Amino acid sequence: MSNEIWLPRLTTKTPQQGFELAILMANMGQHSNQTNAEILEDAHTSQVIAIHFQTIAAANNYWR
């Protein structure tokens, strides 16, 4: 993983942007831990996205 900052903040304007950020976080985590593209699997992707989305929602005070 490079030193480039790809996640400057967790706050988003809308829940949809939060969900998209959760997907990005899941993908970045998966790719940083698995370098062989043929082995990448989706088995736990939904769970990982849900956990990231929960974190982002909390950071955004659940968009209230």
N, C-alpha and C. Protein backbone atom coordinates (compact mmCIF):
# COMPACT_ATOMS: atom_id res chain seq x y z
N MET A 1 0.84 -1.17 0.00
CA MET A 1 0.00 0.00 0.00
C MET A 1 0.89 1.24 0.00
N SER A 2 0.52 2.21 -0.79
CA SER A 2 1.33 3.41 -0.90
C SER A 2 1.07 4.34 0.28
N ASN A 3 1.86 5.38 0.36
CA ASN A 3 1.69 6.38 1.41
C ASN A 3 0.62 7.41 1.06
N GLU A 4 0.00 7.26 -0.10
CA GLU A 4 -1.04 8.19 -0.53
C GLU A 4 -2.26 8.08 0.39
N ILE A 5 -2.81 9.20 0.79
CA ILE A 5 -4.01 9.21 1.64
C ILE A 5 -5.22 9.02 0.75
N TRP A 6 -5.90 7.91 0.91
CA TRP A 6 -7.09 7.63 0.11
C TRP A 6 -8.37 7.76 0.94
N LEU A 7 -8.23 7.94 2.26
CA LEU A 7 -9.39 8.08 3.14
C LEU A 7 -9.20 9.30 4.04
N PRO A 8 -9.46 10.48 3.50
CA PRO A 8 -9.21 11.69 4.28
C PRO A 8 -10.22 11.91 5.41
N ARG A 9 -11.43 11.32 5.31
CA ARG A 9 -12.44 11.49 6.36
C ARG A 9 -13.52 10.42 6.22
N LEU A 10 -14.28 10.23 7.28
CA LEU A 10 -15.39 9.29 7.26
C LEU A 10 -16.73 9.98 7.04
N THR A 11 -16.76 11.29 7.17
CA THR A 11 -18.02 12.01 7.03
C THR A 11 -18.44 12.08 5.57
N THR A 12 -19.74 11.92 5.35
CA THR A 12 -20.32 12.01 4.01
C THR A 12 -21.60 12.83 4.11
N LYS A 13 -22.08 13.32 2.98
CA LYS A 13 -23.28 14.15 2.98
C LYS A 13 -24.56 13.32 3.00
N THR A 14 -24.51 12.12 2.46
CA THR A 14 -25.72 11.30 2.37
C THR A 14 -25.43 9.86 2.75
N PRO A 15 -26.46 9.11 3.12
CA PRO A 15 -26.27 7.70 3.39
C PRO A 15 -25.73 6.94 2.17
N GLN A 16 -26.16 7.32 0.97
CA GLN A 16 -25.66 6.64 -0.23
C GLN A 16 -24.16 6.85 -0.38
N GLN A 17 -23.68 8.06 -0.15
CA GLN A 17 -22.25 8.30 -0.19
C GLN A 17 -21.54 7.49 0.90
N GLY A 18 -22.19 7.34 2.05
CA GLY A 18 -21.62 6.53 3.11
C GLY A 18 -21.51 5.08 2.71
N PHE A 19 -22.53 4.56 2.05
CA PHE A 19 -22.50 3.18 1.58
C PHE A 19 -21.40 2.98 0.54
N GLU A 20 -21.26 3.94 -0.38
CA GLU A 20 -20.20 3.87 -1.39
C GLU A 20 -18.82 3.91 -0.73
N LEU A 21 -18.68 4.71 0.31
CA LEU A 21 -17.42 4.76 1.05
C LEU A 21 -17.15 3.42 1.74
N ALA A 22 -18.20 2.80 2.29
CA ALA A 22 -18.05 1.49 2.93
C ALA A 22 -17.56 0.45 1.93
N ILE A 23 -18.09 0.48 0.72
CA ILE A 23 -17.64 -0.44 -0.33
C ILE A 23 -16.17 -0.19 -0.65
N LEU A 24 -15.80 1.07 -0.79
CA LEU A 24 -14.40 1.41 -1.07
C LEU A 24 -13.49 0.89 0.04
N MET A 25 -13.91 1.09 1.29
CA MET A 25 -13.09 0.63 2.41
C MET A 25 -12.94 -0.89 2.40
N ALA A 26 -14.02 -1.59 2.11
CA ALA A 26 -13.96 -3.05 2.06
C ALA A 26 -13.02 -3.50 0.95
N ASN A 27 -13.14 -2.87 -0.22
CA ASN A 27 -12.27 -3.23 -1.35
C ASN A 27 -10.80 -2.93 -1.05
N MET A 28 -10.54 -1.78 -0.45
CA MET A 28 -9.15 -1.43 -0.13
C MET A 28 -8.57 -2.41 0.88
N GLY A 29 -9.36 -2.78 1.87
CA GLY A 29 -8.89 -3.74 2.86
C GLY A 29 -8.62 -5.10 2.25
N GLN A 30 -9.50 -5.52 1.38
CA GLN A 30 -9.33 -6.82 0.73
C GLN A 30 -8.09 -6.83 -0.15
N HIS A 31 -7.89 -5.79 -0.93
CA HIS A 31 -6.75 -5.74 -1.84
C HIS A 31 -5.43 -5.54 -1.10
N SER A 32 -5.46 -4.88 0.03
CA SER A 32 -4.20 -4.69 0.77
C SER A 32 -3.77 -5.98 1.47
N ASN A 33 -4.73 -6.87 1.72
CA ASN A 33 -4.40 -8.13 2.39
C ASN A 33 -4.21 -9.29 1.42
N GLN A 34 -4.67 -9.16 0.21
CA GLN A 34 -4.57 -10.25 -0.76
C GLN A 34 -4.05 -9.67 -2.08
N THR A 35 -2.86 -10.03 -2.45
CA THR A 35 -2.25 -9.46 -3.65
C THR A 35 -2.52 -10.29 -4.89
N ASN A 36 -2.94 -11.54 -4.75
CA ASN A 36 -3.22 -12.39 -5.89
C ASN A 36 -4.69 -12.21 -6.29
N ALA A 37 -4.93 -11.53 -7.40
CA ALA A 37 -6.29 -11.21 -7.83
C ALA A 37 -7.14 -12.45 -8.07
N GLU A 38 -6.53 -13.56 -8.42
CA GLU A 38 -7.29 -14.78 -8.68
C GLU A 38 -7.87 -15.38 -7.41
N ILE A 39 -7.30 -15.02 -6.27
CA ILE A 39 -7.73 -15.61 -5.01
C ILE A 39 -8.76 -14.73 -4.29
N LEU A 40 -8.89 -13.47 -4.72
CA LEU A 40 -9.84 -12.57 -4.06
C LEU A 40 -11.24 -13.18 -4.08
N GLU A 41 -11.90 -13.18 -2.93
CA GLU A 41 -13.22 -13.78 -2.83
C GLU A 41 -14.20 -12.79 -2.23
N ASP A 42 -15.49 -13.02 -2.51
CA ASP A 42 -16.55 -12.15 -2.01
C ASP A 42 -17.27 -12.74 -0.80
N ALA A 43 -16.77 -13.83 -0.25
CA ALA A 43 -17.49 -14.56 0.78
C ALA A 43 -17.95 -13.68 1.93
N HIS A 44 -17.10 -12.78 2.38
CA HIS A 44 -17.45 -11.96 3.54
C HIS A 44 -17.60 -10.49 3.18
N THR A 45 -17.66 -10.19 1.91
CA THR A 45 -17.70 -8.80 1.49
C THR A 45 -18.92 -8.08 2.04
N SER A 46 -20.09 -8.67 1.97
CA SER A 46 -21.30 -8.01 2.47
C SER A 46 -21.19 -7.69 3.95
N GLN A 47 -20.66 -8.60 4.71
CA GLN A 47 -20.51 -8.37 6.15
C GLN A 47 -19.51 -7.25 6.40
N VAL A 48 -18.41 -7.25 5.68
CA VAL A 48 -17.40 -6.21 5.85
C VAL A 48 -17.97 -4.85 5.48
N ILE A 49 -18.72 -4.78 4.38
CA ILE A 49 -19.34 -3.52 3.96
C ILE A 49 -20.31 -3.04 5.03
N ALA A 50 -21.10 -3.95 5.57
CA ALA A 50 -22.06 -3.57 6.61
C ALA A 50 -21.37 -3.00 7.84
N ILE A 51 -20.27 -3.61 8.23
CA ILE A 51 -19.52 -3.12 9.40
C ILE A 51 -18.95 -1.74 9.12
N HIS A 52 -18.37 -1.55 7.94
CA HIS A 52 -17.83 -0.23 7.59
C HIS A 52 -18.95 0.81 7.52
N PHE A 53 -20.10 0.43 6.95
CA PHE A 53 -21.21 1.37 6.84
C PHE A 53 -21.70 1.77 8.23
N GLN A 54 -21.73 0.84 9.15
CA GLN A 54 -22.13 1.13 10.52
C GLN A 54 -21.18 2.16 11.14
N THR A 55 -19.89 2.00 10.91
CA THR A 55 -18.90 2.94 11.41
C THR A 55 -19.10 4.33 10.80
N ILE A 56 -19.31 4.37 9.49
CA ILE A 56 -19.50 5.64 8.79
C ILE A 56 -20.79 6.31 9.24
N ALA A 57 -21.85 5.53 9.40
CA ALA A 57 -23.12 6.10 9.87
C ALA A 57 -22.96 6.73 11.24
N ALA A 58 -22.26 6.06 12.13
CA ALA A 58 -22.02 6.61 13.47
C ALA A 58 -21.20 7.90 13.38
N ALA A 59 -20.20 7.93 12.50
CA ALA A 59 -19.37 9.12 12.34
C ALA A 59 -20.17 10.29 11.80
N ASN A 60 -21.26 10.01 11.13
CA ASN A 60 -22.12 11.04 10.56
C ASN A 60 -23.37 11.27 11.41
N ASN A 61 -23.34 10.81 12.65
CA ASN A 61 -24.50 10.94 13.54
C ASN A 61 -25.77 10.42 12.86
N TYR A 62 -25.60 9.37 12.08
CA TYR A 62 -26.71 8.72 11.37
C TYR A 62 -27.48 9.70 10.49
N TRP A 63 -26.80 10.70 9.97
CA TRP A 63 -27.32 11.71 9.04
C TRP A 63 -28.53 12.45 9.60
N ARG A 64 -28.51 12.68 10.91
CA ARG A 64 -29.60 13.44 11.53
C ARG A 64 -29.31 14.90 11.52
